[in-house]
PDB file of N, CA and C in Angstrom:
ATOM      1  N   MET A   1      -0.127  38.885 -46.059  1.00  0.00           N
ATOM      2  CA  MET A   1       0.332  39.536 -47.262  1.00  0.00           C
ATOM      3  C   MET A   1       0.092  38.653 -48.480  1.00  0.00           C
ATOM      4  N   GLN A   2       0.382  37.381 -48.351  1.00  0.00           N
ATOM      5  CA  GLN A   2       0.193  36.442 -49.459  1.00  0.00           C
ATOM      6  C   GLN A   2      -1.269  36.393 -49.886  1.00  0.00           C
ATOM      7  N   THR A   3      -2.188  36.435 -48.933  1.00  0.00           N
ATOM      8  CA  THR A   3      -3.607  36.369 -49.261  1.00  0.00           C
ATOM      9  C   THR A   3      -4.020  37.567 -50.098  1.00  0.00           C
ATOM     10  N   SER A   4      -3.519  38.745 -49.756  1.00  0.00           N
ATOM     11  CA  SER A   4      -3.907  39.923 -50.531  1.00  0.00           C
ATOM     12  C   SER A   4      -3.365  39.830 -51.962  1.00  0.00           C
ATOM     13  N   LYS A   5      -2.169  39.270 -52.146  1.00  0.00           N
ATOM     14  CA  LYS A   5      -1.627  39.076 -53.489  1.00  0.00           C
ATOM     15  C   LYS A   5      -2.508  38.097 -54.256  1.00  0.00           C
ATOM     16  N   PHE A   6      -2.897  37.019 -53.599  1.00  0.00           N
ATOM     17  CA  PHE A   6      -3.763  36.016 -54.205  1.00  0.00           C
ATOM     18  C   PHE A   6      -5.100  36.637 -54.595  1.00  0.00           C
ATOM     19  N   ASP A   7      -5.687  37.379 -53.661  1.00  0.00           N
ATOM     20  CA  ASP A   7      -6.963  38.055 -53.941  1.00  0.00           C
ATOM     21  C   ASP A   7      -6.826  39.037 -55.100  1.00  0.00           C
ATOM     22  N   SER A   8      -5.703  39.716 -55.153  1.00  0.00           N
ATOM     23  CA  SER A   8      -5.455  40.673 -56.233  1.00  0.00           C
ATOM     24  C   SER A   8      -5.403  39.959 -57.581  1.00  0.00           C
ATOM     25  N   ILE A   9      -4.735  38.820 -57.608  1.00  0.00           N
ATOM     26  CA  ILE A   9      -4.653  38.036 -58.842  1.00  0.00           C
ATOM     27  C   ILE A   9      -6.038  37.563 -59.266  1.00  0.00           C
ATOM     28  N   LEU A  10      -6.819  37.083 -58.303  1.00  0.00           N
ATOM     29  CA  LEU A  10      -8.181  36.639 -58.622  1.00  0.00           C
ATOM     30  C   LEU A  10      -9.025  37.795 -59.164  1.00  0.00           C
ATOM     31  N   ASP A  11      -8.886  38.953 -58.538  1.00  0.00           N
ATOM     32  CA  ASP A  11      -9.627  40.128 -59.021  1.00  0.00           C
ATOM     33  C   ASP A  11      -9.219  40.465 -60.449  1.00  0.00           C
ATOM     34  N   GLU A  12      -7.937  40.369 -60.742  1.00  0.00           N
ATOM     35  CA  GLU A  12      -7.437  40.666 -62.084  1.00  0.00           C
ATOM     36  C   GLU A  12      -7.977  39.654 -63.087  1.00  0.00           C
ATOM     37  N   ILE A  13      -8.025  38.399 -62.705  1.00  0.00           N
ATOM     38  CA  ILE A  13      -8.556  37.351 -63.589  1.00  0.00           C
ATOM     39  C   ILE A  13     -10.022  37.621 -63.903  1.00  0.00           C
ATOM     40  N   GLU A  14     -10.745  38.133 -62.939  1.00  0.00           N
ATOM     41  CA  GLU A  14     -12.166  38.447 -63.139  1.00  0.00           C
ATOM     42  C   GLU A  14     -12.373  39.492 -64.237  1.00  0.00           C
ATOM     43  N   THR A  15     -11.358  40.291 -64.504  1.00  0.00           N
ATOM     44  CA  THR A  15     -11.495  41.323 -65.542  1.00  0.00           C
ATOM     45  C   THR A  15     -11.320  40.738 -66.942  1.00  0.00           C
ATOM     46  N   LEU A  16     -10.805  39.515 -67.032  1.00  0.00           N
ATOM     47  CA  LEU A  16     -10.621  38.874 -68.331  1.00  0.00           C
ATOM     48  C   LEU A  16     -11.954  38.394 -68.886  1.00  0.00           C
ATOM     49  N   SER A  17     -11.993  38.244 -70.193  1.00  0.00           N
ATOM     50  CA  SER A  17     -13.197  37.694 -70.818  1.00  0.00           C
ATOM     51  C   SER A  17     -13.309  36.204 -70.463  1.00  0.00           C
ATOM     52  N   ILE A  18     -14.471  35.646 -70.704  1.00  0.00           N
ATOM     53  CA  ILE A  18     -14.683  34.221 -70.446  1.00  0.00           C
ATOM     54  C   ILE A  18     -13.687  33.379 -71.251  1.00  0.00           C
ATOM     55  N   ASP A  19     -13.472  33.741 -72.506  1.00  0.00           N
ATOM     56  CA  ASP A  19     -12.525  33.005 -73.349  1.00  0.00           C
ATOM     57  C   ASP A  19     -11.111  33.086 -72.785  1.00  0.00           C
ATOM     58  N   GLU A  20     -10.719  34.270 -72.318  1.00  0.00           N
ATOM     59  CA  GLU A  20      -9.381  34.434 -71.741  1.00  0.00           C
ATOM     60  C   GLU A  20      -9.240  33.640 -70.441  1.00  0.00           C
ATOM     61  N   GLN A  21     -10.293  33.636 -69.638  1.00  0.00           N
ATOM     62  CA  GLN A  21     -10.264  32.860 -68.397  1.00  0.00           C
ATOM     63  C   GLN A  21     -10.160  31.371 -68.700  1.00  0.00           C
ATOM     64  N   THR A  22     -10.878  30.929 -69.723  1.00  0.00           N
ATOM     65  CA  THR A  22     -10.819  29.525 -70.125  1.00  0.00           C
ATOM     66  C   THR A  22      -9.414  29.170 -70.608  1.00  0.00           C
ATOM     67  N   ALA A  23      -8.826  30.047 -71.414  1.00  0.00           N
ATOM     68  CA  ALA A  23      -7.462  29.818 -71.902  1.00  0.00           C
ATOM     69  C   ALA A  23      -6.480  29.773 -70.733  1.00  0.00           C
ATOM     70  N   LEU A  24      -6.673  30.660 -69.767  1.00  0.00           N
ATOM     71  CA  LEU A  24      -5.814  30.677 -68.580  1.00  0.00           C
ATOM     72  C   LEU A  24      -5.915  29.352 -67.822  1.00  0.00           C
ATOM     73  N   LEU A  25      -7.126  28.847 -67.673  1.00  0.00           N
ATOM     74  CA  LEU A  25      -7.316  27.560 -66.994  1.00  0.00           C
ATOM     75  C   LEU A  25      -6.594  26.432 -67.722  1.00  0.00           C
ATOM     76  N   VAL A  26      -6.700  26.416 -69.033  1.00  0.00           N
ATOM     77  CA  VAL A  26      -6.032  25.377 -69.826  1.00  0.00           C
ATOM     78  C   VAL A  26      -4.518  25.477 -69.639  1.00  0.00           C
ATOM     79  N   ILE A  27      -3.989  26.687 -69.721  1.00  0.00           N
ATOM     80  CA  ILE A  27      -2.546  26.891 -69.562  1.00  0.00           C
ATOM     81  C   ILE A  27      -2.096  26.467 -68.174  1.00  0.00           C
ATOM     82  N   MET A  28      -2.817  26.874 -67.145  1.00  0.00           N
ATOM     83  CA  MET A  28      -2.438  26.526 -65.767  1.00  0.00           C
ATOM     84  C   MET A  28      -2.522  25.023 -65.538  1.00  0.00           C
ATOM     85  N   HIS A  29      -3.532  24.392 -66.100  1.00  0.00           N
ATOM     86  CA  HIS A  29      -3.662  22.945 -65.953  1.00  0.00           C
ATOM     87  C   HIS A  29      -2.461  22.237 -66.579  1.00  0.00           C
ATOM     88  N   ARG A  30      -2.064  22.687 -67.767  1.00  0.00           N
ATOM     89  CA  ARG A  30      -0.889  22.095 -68.437  1.00  0.00           C
ATOM     90  C   ARG A  30       0.374  22.307 -67.625  1.00  0.00           C
ATOM     91  N   ARG A  31       0.552  23.520 -67.120  1.00  0.00           N
ATOM     92  CA  ARG A  31       1.756  23.811 -66.329  1.00  0.00           C
ATOM     93  C   ARG A  31       1.802  22.978 -65.051  1.00  0.00           C
ATOM     94  N   LEU A  32       0.666  22.859 -64.388  1.00  0.00           N
ATOM     95  CA  LEU A  32       0.618  22.049 -63.172  1.00  0.00           C
ATOM     96  C   LEU A  32       0.877  20.578 -63.486  1.00  0.00           C
ATOM     97  N   SER A  33       0.326  20.094 -64.593  1.00  0.00           N
ATOM     98  CA  SER A  33       0.562  18.711 -65.008  1.00  0.00           C
ATOM     99  C   SER A  33       2.043  18.492 -65.304  1.00  0.00           C
ATOM    100  N   ASP A  34       2.653  19.443 -65.995  1.00  0.00           N
ATOM    101  CA  ASP A  34       4.085  19.344 -66.294  1.00  0.00           C
ATOM    102  C   ASP A  34       4.920  19.348 -65.020  1.00  0.00           C
ATOM    103  N   ARG A  35       4.568  20.222 -64.083  1.00  0.00           N
ATOM    104  CA  ARG A  35       5.301  20.291 -62.812  1.00  0.00           C
ATOM    105  C   ARG A  35       5.176  18.978 -62.053  1.00  0.00           C
ATOM    106  N   ARG A  36       3.967  18.444 -62.007  1.00  0.00           N
ATOM    107  CA  ARG A  36       3.757  17.176 -61.289  1.00  0.00           C
ATOM    108  C   ARG A  36       4.510  16.043 -61.978  1.00  0.00           C
ATOM    109  N   ARG A  37       4.498  16.026 -63.305  1.00  0.00           N
ATOM    110  CA  ARG A  37       5.220  15.015 -64.070  1.00  0.00           C
ATOM    111  C   ARG A  37       6.715  15.076 -63.765  1.00  0.00           C
ATOM    112  N   THR A  38       7.239  16.289 -63.665  1.00  0.00           N
ATOM    113  CA  THR A  38       8.655  16.480 -63.335  1.00  0.00           C
ATOM    114  C   THR A  38       8.958  15.962 -61.934  1.00  0.00           C
ATOM    115  N   GLU A  39       8.059  16.244 -60.979  1.00  0.00           N
ATOM    116  CA  GLU A  39       8.241  15.745 -59.611  1.00  0.00           C
ATOM    117  C   GLU A  39       8.227  14.220 -59.578  1.00  0.00           C
ATOM    118  N   ILE A  40       7.306  13.615 -60.309  1.00  0.00           N
ATOM    119  CA  ILE A  40       7.210  12.157 -60.344  1.00  0.00           C
ATOM    120  C   ILE A  40       8.483  11.567 -60.945  1.00  0.00           C
ATOM    121  N   ALA A  41       8.974  12.163 -62.023  1.00  0.00           N
ATOM    122  CA  ALA A  41      10.205  11.672 -62.657  1.00  0.00           C
ATOM    123  C   ALA A  41      11.385  11.775 -61.687  1.00  0.00           C
ATOM    124  N   ALA A  42      11.466  12.859 -60.938  1.00  0.00           N
ATOM    125  CA  ALA A  42      12.541  13.021 -59.951  1.00  0.00           C
ATOM    126  C   ALA A  42      12.419  11.971 -58.853  1.00  0.00           C
ATOM    127  N   ASN A  43      11.195  11.696 -58.404  1.00  0.00           N
ATOM    128  CA  ASN A  43      10.986  10.667 -57.374  1.00  0.00           C
ATOM    129  C   ASN A  43      11.381   9.289 -57.885  1.00  0.00           C
ATOM    130  N   ILE A  44      11.068   9.007 -59.134  1.00  0.00           N
ATOM    131  CA  ILE A  44      11.440   7.718 -59.726  1.00  0.00           C
ATOM    132  C   ILE A  44      12.959   7.607 -59.810  1.00  0.00           C
ATOM    133  N   ALA A  45      13.600   8.666 -60.275  1.00  0.00           N
ATOM    134  CA  ALA A  45      15.063   8.656 -60.375  1.00  0.00           C
ATOM    135  C   ALA A  45      15.698   8.452 -59.009  1.00  0.00           C
ATOM    136  N   GLN A  46      15.171   9.115 -57.983  1.00  0.00           N
ATOM    137  CA  GLN A  46      15.692   8.963 -56.627  1.00  0.00           C
ATOM    138  C   GLN A  46      15.461   7.542 -56.124  1.00  0.00           C
ATOM    139  N   GLY A  47      14.291   6.995 -56.419  1.00  0.00           N
ATOM    140  CA  GLY A  47      13.985   5.621 -56.014  1.00  0.00           C
ATOM    141  C   GLY A  47      14.923   4.622 -56.655  1.00  0.00           C
ATOM    142  N   LYS A  48      15.204   4.814 -57.935  1.00  0.00           N
ATOM    143  CA  LYS A  48      16.148   3.925 -58.625  1.00  0.00           C
ATOM    144  C   LYS A  48      17.536   4.027 -58.012  1.00  0.00           C
ATOM    145  N   GLN A  49      17.946   5.260 -57.716  1.00  0.00           N
ATOM    146  CA  GLN A  49      19.260   5.470 -57.112  1.00  0.00           C
ATOM    147  C   GLN A  49      19.317   4.814 -55.728  1.00  0.00           C
ATOM    148  N   ASP A  50      18.273   4.994 -54.932  1.00  0.00           N
ATOM    149  CA  ASP A  50      18.215   4.377 -53.607  1.00  0.00           C
ATOM    150  C   ASP A  50      18.256   2.858 -53.710  1.00  0.00           C
ATOM    151  N   TYR A  51      17.534   2.321 -54.685  1.00  0.00           N
ATOM    152  CA  TYR A  51      17.507   0.869 -54.875  1.00  0.00           C
ATOM    153  C   TYR A  51      18.895   0.356 -55.252  1.00  0.00           C
ATOM    154  N   GLN A  52      19.553   1.034 -56.186  1.00  0.00           N
ATOM    155  CA  GLN A  52      20.873   0.601 -56.635  1.00  0.00           C
ATOM    156  C   GLN A  52      21.925   0.707 -55.539  1.00  0.00           C
ATOM    157  N   SER A  53      21.747   1.648 -54.627  1.00  0.00           N
ATOM    158  CA  SER A  53      22.718   1.801 -53.539  1.00  0.00           C
ATOM    159  C   SER A  53      22.346   0.966 -52.316  1.00  0.00           C
ATOM    160  N   GLY A  54      21.266   0.188 -52.417  1.00  0.00           N
ATOM    161  CA  GLY A  54      20.883  -0.711 -51.324  1.00  0.00           C
ATOM    162  C   GLY A  54      20.130  -0.053 -50.190  1.00  0.00           C
ATOM    163  N   LYS A  55      19.585   1.115 -50.417  1.00  0.00           N
ATOM    164  CA  LYS A  55      18.850   1.830 -49.369  1.00  0.00           C
ATOM    165  C   LYS A  55      17.378   1.430 -49.291  1.00  0.00           C
ATOM    166  N   VAL A  56      16.951   0.532 -50.168  1.00  0.00           N
ATOM    167  CA  VAL A  56      15.542   0.145 -50.224  1.00  0.00           C
ATOM    168  C   VAL A  56      15.381  -1.227 -49.581  1.00  0.00           C
ATOM    169  N   PHE A  57      14.443  -1.329 -48.651  1.00  0.00           N
ATOM    170  CA  PHE A  57      14.167  -2.606 -48.006  1.00  0.00           C
ATOM    171  C   PHE A  57      13.141  -3.355 -48.824  1.00  0.00           C
ATOM    172  N   ARG A  58      13.440  -4.606 -49.114  1.00  0.00           N
ATOM    173  CA  ARG A  58      12.501  -5.453 -49.838  1.00  0.00           C
ATOM    174  C   ARG A  58      12.228  -6.679 -49.004  1.00  0.00           C
ATOM    175  N   GLY A  59      10.985  -7.103 -49.010  1.00  0.00           N
ATOM    176  CA  GLY A  59      10.626  -8.311 -48.289  1.00  0.00           C
ATOM    177  C   GLY A  59       9.128  -8.505 -48.266  1.00  0.00           C
ATOM    178  N   THR A  60       8.731  -9.549 -47.595  1.00  0.00           N
ATOM    179  CA  THR A  60       7.309  -9.831 -47.440  1.00  0.00           C
ATOM    180  C   THR A  60       6.713  -8.860 -46.424  1.00  0.00           C
ATOM    181  N   VAL A  61       5.399  -8.861 -46.331  1.00  0.00           N
ATOM    182  CA  VAL A  61       4.729  -8.004 -45.354  1.00  0.00           C
ATOM    183  C   VAL A  61       5.212  -8.342 -43.954  1.00  0.00           C
ATOM    184  N   ASN A  62       5.316  -9.619 -43.644  1.00  0.00           N
ATOM    185  CA  ASN A  62       5.770 -10.024 -42.311  1.00  0.00           C
ATOM    186  C   ASN A  62       7.201  -9.568 -42.041  1.00  0.00           C
ATOM    187  N   GLU A  63       8.057  -9.603 -43.064  1.00  0.00           N
ATOM    188  CA  GLU A  63       9.440  -9.148 -42.899  1.00  0.00           C
ATOM    189  C   GLU A  63       9.494  -7.636 -42.675  1.00  0.00           C
ATOM    190  N   VAL A  64       8.648  -6.912 -43.374  1.00  0.00           N
ATOM    191  CA  VAL A  64       8.597  -5.461 -43.196  1.00  0.00           C
ATOM    192  C   VAL A  64       8.125  -5.126 -41.792  1.00  0.00           C
ATOM    193  N   ILE A  65       7.100  -5.811 -41.325  1.00  0.00           N
ATOM    194  CA  ILE A  65       6.578  -5.574 -39.962  1.00  0.00           C
ATOM    195  C   ILE A  65       7.645  -5.891 -38.938  1.00  0.00           C
ATOM    196  N   ALA A  66       8.333  -7.003 -39.112  1.00  0.00           N
ATOM    197  CA  ALA A  66       9.403  -7.377 -38.174  1.00  0.00           C
ATOM    198  C   ALA A  66      10.501  -6.315 -38.184  1.00  0.00           C
ATOM    199  N   GLU A  67      10.854  -5.804 -39.351  1.00  0.00           N
ATOM    200  CA  GLU A  67      11.886  -4.764 -39.467  1.00  0.00           C
ATOM    201  C   GLU A  67      11.434  -3.485 -38.755  1.00  0.00           C
ATOM    202  N   LEU A  68      10.172  -3.133 -38.919  1.00  0.00           N
ATOM    203  CA  LEU A  68       9.648  -1.934 -38.262  1.00  0.00           C
ATOM    204  C   LEU A  68       9.648  -2.083 -36.748  1.00  0.00           C
ATOM    205  N   LYS A  69       9.383  -3.275 -36.257  1.00  0.00           N
ATOM    206  CA  LYS A  69       9.414  -3.514 -34.811  1.00  0.00           C
ATOM    207  C   LYS A  69      10.819  -3.364 -34.259  1.00  0.00           C
ATOM    208  N   LEU A  70      11.830  -3.712 -35.053  1.00  0.00           N
ATOM    209  CA  LEU A  70      13.213  -3.571 -34.625  1.00  0.00           C
ATOM    210  C   LEU A  70      13.638  -2.105 -34.535  1.00  0.00           C
ATOM    211  N   ILE A  71      13.054  -1.279 -35.366  1.00  0.00           N
ATOM    212  CA  ILE A  71      13.412   0.139 -35.415  1.00  0.00           C
ATOM    213  C   ILE A  71      12.962   0.851 -34.155  1.00  0.00           C
ATOM    214  N   ARG A  72      11.860   0.452 -33.602  1.00  0.00           N
ATOM    215  CA  ARG A  72      11.336   1.119 -32.401  1.00  0.00           C
ATOM    216  C   ARG A  72      12.311   0.996 -31.321  1.00  0.00           C
TER     217      ARG A  72
END
């Protein structure tokens, strides 16, 4: 069902002029960039919160490897 909706949208886009299609691409690119930026900001905020609450492991590569071996 999702594929037919997607195909329908693509067919509808094909009816737009080249200028309209170009404008649509610009708008979609901006929206996707904004969405990704929001996701990155949320990940950073979560990382800071995890770090402040002590949920983040810090150490050398050898310490990280040793810690991972203990988890197994």
